[in-house]
Amino acid sequence: LLKVAENAEFARRELNKAFVLMQYFGYLQRNPDDAPDTDFRGFDFWLKKLDDNGGDYSKAQMVSAFIDSIEYRKRFGQ
């Protein structure tokens, strides 16, 4: 297990997926395919955007998009 955890290729391949998933859990408090979504298109969109920006979530404007989303604002009354 330690070899897997320390494997640079594994970390590179899985880091962005884990980061996008944590945005859903942290900001929207749901799984990516839970309502109002019915599939992983939103997750795939953000993963591609993050990958296209070399993993730079700031450049991908990811966090601000989650915070500015209607879903987030409805949930947290903003």
C-alpha atoms as a PDB file:
ATOM      1  CA  LEU A   1       0.000   0.000   0.000  1.00  0.00           C
ATOM      2  CA  LEU A   2       2.843   2.371   0.806  1.00  0.00           C
ATOM      3  CA  LYS A   3       4.360   1.790  -2.649  1.00  0.00           C
ATOM      4  CA  VAL A   4       1.045   2.740  -4.246  1.00  0.00           C
ATOM      5  CA  ALA A   5       0.671   5.853  -2.087  1.00  0.00           C
ATOM      6  CA  GLU A   6       4.205   7.007  -2.882  1.00  0.00           C
ATOM      7  CA  ASN A   7       3.999   6.247  -6.600  1.00  0.00           C
ATOM      8  CA  ALA A   8       4.376   9.582  -8.440  1.00  0.00           C
ATOM      9  CA  GLU A   9       2.414   8.412 -11.501  1.00  0.00           C
ATOM     10  CA  PHE A  10      -0.480   7.256  -9.343  1.00  0.00           C
ATOM     11  CA  ALA A  11      -0.504  10.549  -7.439  1.00  0.00           C
ATOM     12  CA  ARG A  12      -0.394  12.595 -10.659  1.00  0.00           C
ATOM     13  CA  ARG A  13      -3.218  10.565 -12.185  1.00  0.00           C
ATOM     14  CA  GLU A  14      -5.488  10.651  -9.124  1.00  0.00           C
ATOM     15  CA  LEU A  15      -4.797  14.064  -7.564  1.00  0.00           C
ATOM     16  CA  ASN A  16      -7.069  16.110  -9.832  1.00  0.00           C
ATOM     17  CA  LYS A  17      -9.900  13.579  -9.531  1.00  0.00           C
ATOM     18  CA  ALA A  18      -9.646  13.726  -5.747  1.00  0.00           C
ATOM     19  CA  PHE A  19      -9.510  17.521  -5.794  1.00  0.00           C
ATOM     20  CA  VAL A  20     -12.668  17.842  -7.907  1.00  0.00           C
ATOM     21  CA  LEU A  21     -14.466  15.320  -5.718  1.00  0.00           C
ATOM     22  CA  MET A  22     -13.532  17.301  -2.596  1.00  0.00           C
ATOM     23  CA  GLN A  23     -15.026  20.457  -4.127  1.00  0.00           C
ATOM     24  CA  TYR A  24     -18.355  18.675  -4.473  1.00  0.00           C
ATOM     25  CA  PHE A  25     -18.157  17.330  -0.921  1.00  0.00           C
ATOM     26  CA  GLY A  26     -16.892  20.575   0.590  1.00  0.00           C
ATOM     27  CA  TYR A  27     -18.911  23.228  -1.206  1.00  0.00           C
ATOM     28  CA  LEU A  28     -22.050  21.420  -2.345  1.00  0.00           C
ATOM     29  CA  GLN A  29     -22.068  18.694   0.320  1.00  0.00           C
ATOM     30  CA  ARG A  30     -23.000  15.975  -2.121  1.00  0.00           C
ATOM     31  CA  ASN A  31     -21.675  13.408  -4.551  1.00  0.00           C
ATOM     32  CA  PRO A  32     -21.083  14.649  -8.097  1.00  0.00           C
ATOM     33  CA  ASP A  33     -23.931  12.515  -9.473  1.00  0.00           C
ATOM     34  CA  ASP A  34     -26.482  13.386  -6.756  1.00  0.00           C
ATOM     35  CA  ALA A  35     -29.400  15.698  -7.522  1.00  0.00           C
ATOM     36  CA  PRO A  36     -29.634  18.116  -9.162  1.00  0.00           C
ATOM     37  CA  ASP A  37     -27.136  16.252 -11.373  1.00  0.00           C
ATOM     38  CA  THR A  38     -27.968  12.779 -12.604  1.00  0.00           C
ATOM     39  CA  ASP A  39     -24.571  11.778 -13.986  1.00  0.00           C
ATOM     40  CA  PHE A  40     -20.907  12.739 -13.873  1.00  0.00           C
ATOM     41  CA  ARG A  41     -20.949  15.377 -16.631  1.00  0.00           C
ATOM     42  CA  GLY A  42     -20.303  18.196 -14.143  1.00  0.00           C
ATOM     43  CA  PHE A  43     -17.493  16.241 -12.503  1.00  0.00           C
ATOM     44  CA  ASP A  44     -16.002  15.444 -15.924  1.00  0.00           C
ATOM     45  CA  PHE A  45     -16.267  19.111 -16.941  1.00  0.00           C
ATOM     46  CA  TRP A  46     -14.340  20.277 -13.877  1.00  0.00           C
ATOM     47  CA  LEU A  47     -11.796  17.483 -14.166  1.00  0.00           C
ATOM     48  CA  LYS A  48     -11.081  18.419 -17.788  1.00  0.00           C
ATOM     49  CA  LYS A  49     -10.860  22.103 -16.906  1.00  0.00           C
ATOM     50  CA  LEU A  50      -8.437  21.342 -14.069  1.00  0.00           C
ATOM     51  CA  ASP A  51      -6.372  19.015 -16.287  1.00  0.00           C
ATOM     52  CA  ASP A  52      -6.311  21.621 -19.078  1.00  0.00           C
ATOM     53  CA  ASN A  53      -4.906  24.142 -16.584  1.00  0.00           C
ATOM     54  CA  GLY A  54      -2.161  21.841 -15.349  1.00  0.00           C
ATOM     55  CA  GLY A  55      -3.891  21.210 -12.025  1.00  0.00           C
ATOM     56  CA  ASP A  56      -3.968  24.927 -11.207  1.00  0.00           C
ATOM     57  CA  TYR A  57      -7.411  25.268  -9.605  1.00  0.00           C
ATOM     58  CA  SER A  58      -6.999  29.030  -9.398  1.00  0.00           C
ATOM     59  CA  LYS A  59      -6.429  29.340 -13.131  1.00  0.00           C
ATOM     60  CA  ALA A  60      -9.343  26.952 -13.709  1.00  0.00           C
ATOM     61  CA  GLN A  61     -11.516  29.344 -11.624  1.00  0.00           C
ATOM     62  CA  MET A  62     -12.894  26.313  -9.908  1.00  0.00           C
ATOM     63  CA  VAL A  63     -13.373  27.385  -6.293  1.00  0.00           C
ATOM     64  CA  SER A  64     -15.007  30.681  -7.219  1.00  0.00           C
ATOM     65  CA  ALA A  65     -17.374  28.874  -9.579  1.00  0.00           C
ATOM     66  CA  PHE A  66     -18.528  26.527  -6.819  1.00  0.00           C
ATOM     67  CA  ILE A  67     -18.971  29.394  -4.343  1.00  0.00           C
ATOM     68  CA  ASP A  68     -20.805  31.526  -6.900  1.00  0.00           C
ATOM     69  CA  SER A  69     -23.106  28.689  -7.978  1.00  0.00           C
ATOM     70  CA  ILE A  70     -26.848  28.956  -7.411  1.00  0.00           C
ATOM     71  CA  GLU A  71     -26.766  25.591  -5.656  1.00  0.00           C
ATOM     72  CA  TYR A  72     -24.178  26.804  -3.127  1.00  0.00           C
ATOM     73  CA  ARG A  73     -26.012  30.085  -2.535  1.00  0.00           C
ATOM     74  CA  LYS A  74     -29.336  28.315  -1.968  1.00  0.00           C
ATOM     75  CA  ARG A  75     -27.761  25.867   0.460  1.00  0.00           C
ATOM     76  CA  PHE A  76     -25.972  28.514   2.499  1.00  0.00           C
ATOM     77  CA  GLY A  77     -28.396  31.419   2.116  1.00  0.00           C
ATOM     78  CA  GLN A  78     -26.172  33.828   0.242  1.00  0.00           C
END
